[in-house]
Amino acid sequence: MMNLSASRRGVAIVIALFFCFCMLILFVSMMFRQTSTAGHNQLTIQERQAFFAARAAMQHFLLKAKLFPTELYDAVEFAQV
């Protein structure tokens, strides 16, 4: 009876170590995934900021052209000279 109990205790340690090793692999993979996602999100934010800045510049130009057409014509004339 004593031999069977010692055998079970050894199996429990092996199972616990295997579970800890699996959790370690999962944790490390999640850490690498998070750093990769953070870098990707930073690029996406910069791309969106550039897109909205360009869109704002176009809308600003169209508003200026609508409100001050004479100044726009003068600016185009100066640019062509």
C-alpha atoms as a PDB file:
ATOM      1  CA  MET A   1       0.000   0.000   0.000  1.00  0.00           C
ATOM      2  CA  MET A   2       2.873   2.357   0.786  1.00  0.00           C
ATOM      3  CA  ASN A   3       4.408   1.809  -2.650  1.00  0.00           C
ATOM      4  CA  LEU A   4       1.166   2.748  -4.469  1.00  0.00           C
ATOM      5  CA  SER A   5       0.870   6.057  -2.542  1.00  0.00           C
ATOM      6  CA  ALA A   6       4.463   7.045  -3.387  1.00  0.00           C
ATOM      7  CA  SER A   7       3.829   6.239  -7.037  1.00  0.00           C
ATOM      8  CA  ARG A   8       0.769   8.484  -7.114  1.00  0.00           C
ATOM      9  CA  ARG A   9       2.669  11.330  -5.458  1.00  0.00           C
ATOM     10  CA  GLY A  10       5.323  11.120  -8.176  1.00  0.00           C
ATOM     11  CA  VAL A  11       2.675  11.247 -10.913  1.00  0.00           C
ATOM     12  CA  ALA A  12       1.060  14.268  -9.306  1.00  0.00           C
ATOM     13  CA  ILE A  13       4.376  16.149  -9.338  1.00  0.00           C
ATOM     14  CA  VAL A  14       4.883  15.318 -13.016  1.00  0.00           C
ATOM     15  CA  ILE A  15       1.354  16.479 -13.871  1.00  0.00           C
ATOM     16  CA  ALA A  16       1.817  19.692 -11.873  1.00  0.00           C
ATOM     17  CA  LEU A  17       5.148  20.427 -13.588  1.00  0.00           C
ATOM     18  CA  PHE A  18       3.624  19.747 -16.999  1.00  0.00           C
ATOM     19  CA  PHE A  19       0.715  22.104 -16.195  1.00  0.00           C
ATOM     20  CA  CYS A  20       3.145  24.829 -15.029  1.00  0.00           C
ATOM     21  CA  PHE A  21       5.204  24.408 -18.201  1.00  0.00           C
ATOM     22  CA  CYS A  22       2.075  24.749 -20.370  1.00  0.00           C
ATOM     23  CA  MET A  23       1.033  27.884 -18.464  1.00  0.00           C
ATOM     24  CA  LEU A  24       4.527  29.339 -18.921  1.00  0.00           C
ATOM     25  CA  ILE A  25       4.361  28.762 -22.677  1.00  0.00           C
ATOM     26  CA  LEU A  26       0.916  30.370 -22.798  1.00  0.00           C
ATOM     27  CA  PHE A  27       2.105  33.384 -20.786  1.00  0.00           C
ATOM     28  CA  VAL A  28       5.206  33.917 -22.945  1.00  0.00           C
ATOM     29  CA  SER A  29       3.213  33.658 -26.168  1.00  0.00           C
ATOM     30  CA  MET A  30       0.679  36.184 -24.853  1.00  0.00           C
ATOM     31  CA  MET A  31       3.493  38.605 -23.956  1.00  0.00           C
ATOM     32  CA  PHE A  32       5.004  38.394 -27.445  1.00  0.00           C
ATOM     33  CA  ARG A  33       1.567  38.791 -29.010  1.00  0.00           C
ATOM     34  CA  GLN A  34       0.845  41.890 -26.891  1.00  0.00           C
ATOM     35  CA  THR A  35       4.091  43.609 -27.896  1.00  0.00           C
ATOM     36  CA  SER A  36       3.396  42.835 -31.544  1.00  0.00           C
ATOM     37  CA  THR A  37      -0.145  44.184 -31.259  1.00  0.00           C
ATOM     38  CA  ALA A  38       1.037  47.336 -29.484  1.00  0.00           C
ATOM     39  CA  GLY A  39       3.457  48.112 -32.334  1.00  0.00           C
ATOM     40  CA  HIS A  40       0.769  47.489 -34.921  1.00  0.00           C
ATOM     41  CA  ASN A  41      -1.698  49.724 -33.063  1.00  0.00           C
ATOM     42  CA  GLN A  42       0.850  52.548 -32.967  1.00  0.00           C
ATOM     43  CA  LEU A  43       1.266  52.358 -36.760  1.00  0.00           C
ATOM     44  CA  THR A  44      -2.495  52.293 -37.240  1.00  0.00           C
ATOM     45  CA  ILE A  45      -2.921  55.383 -35.054  1.00  0.00           C
ATOM     46  CA  GLN A  46      -0.269  57.274 -37.025  1.00  0.00           C
ATOM     47  CA  GLU A  47      -1.869  56.299 -40.332  1.00  0.00           C
ATOM     48  CA  ARG A  48      -5.285  57.480 -39.163  1.00  0.00           C
ATOM     49  CA  GLN A  49      -3.862  60.742 -37.850  1.00  0.00           C
ATOM     50  CA  ALA A  50      -2.213  61.381 -41.213  1.00  0.00           C
ATOM     51  CA  PHE A  51      -5.432  60.549 -43.047  1.00  0.00           C
ATOM     52  CA  PHE A  52      -7.525  62.919 -40.938  1.00  0.00           C
ATOM     53  CA  ALA A  53      -4.887  65.674 -41.152  1.00  0.00           C
ATOM     54  CA  ALA A  54      -4.951  65.438 -44.959  1.00  0.00           C
ATOM     55  CA  ARG A  55      -8.734  65.412 -44.951  1.00  0.00           C
ATOM     56  CA  ALA A  56      -8.829  68.488 -42.695  1.00  0.00           C
ATOM     57  CA  ALA A  57      -6.401  70.285 -45.010  1.00  0.00           C
ATOM     58  CA  MET A  58      -8.613  69.556 -48.030  1.00  0.00           C
ATOM     59  CA  GLN A  59     -11.723  70.752 -46.212  1.00  0.00           C
ATOM     60  CA  HIS A  60      -9.889  73.878 -45.067  1.00  0.00           C
ATOM     61  CA  PHE A  61      -8.836  74.614 -48.643  1.00  0.00           C
ATOM     62  CA  LEU A  62     -12.373  74.124 -49.966  1.00  0.00           C
ATOM     63  CA  LEU A  63     -13.804  76.385 -47.263  1.00  0.00           C
ATOM     64  CA  LYS A  64     -11.242  79.096 -48.023  1.00  0.00           C
ATOM     65  CA  ALA A  65     -12.000  78.802 -51.744  1.00  0.00           C
ATOM     66  CA  LYS A  66     -15.715  79.144 -51.040  1.00  0.00           C
ATOM     67  CA  LEU A  67     -15.441  82.070 -48.620  1.00  0.00           C
ATOM     68  CA  PHE A  68     -12.555  83.986 -50.234  1.00  0.00           C
ATOM     69  CA  PRO A  69     -12.496  83.231 -53.980  1.00  0.00           C
ATOM     70  CA  THR A  70     -10.654  86.447 -54.854  1.00  0.00           C
ATOM     71  CA  GLU A  71      -7.735  85.620 -52.562  1.00  0.00           C
ATOM     72  CA  LEU A  72      -7.618  82.127 -54.048  1.00  0.00           C
ATOM     73  CA  TYR A  73      -7.406  83.498 -57.573  1.00  0.00           C
ATOM     74  CA  ASP A  74      -4.647  85.886 -56.496  1.00  0.00           C
ATOM     75  CA  ALA A  75      -2.701  83.040 -54.856  1.00  0.00           C
ATOM     76  CA  VAL A  76      -3.003  80.885 -58.007  1.00  0.00           C
ATOM     77  CA  GLU A  77      -1.895  83.795 -60.123  1.00  0.00           C
ATOM     78  CA  PHE A  78       1.180  84.367 -57.946  1.00  0.00           C
ATOM     79  CA  ALA A  79       2.023  80.685 -58.065  1.00  0.00           C
ATOM     80  CA  GLN A  80       1.971  80.612 -61.858  1.00  0.00           C
ATOM     81  CA  VAL A  81       4.324  83.572 -62.206  1.00  0.00           C
END
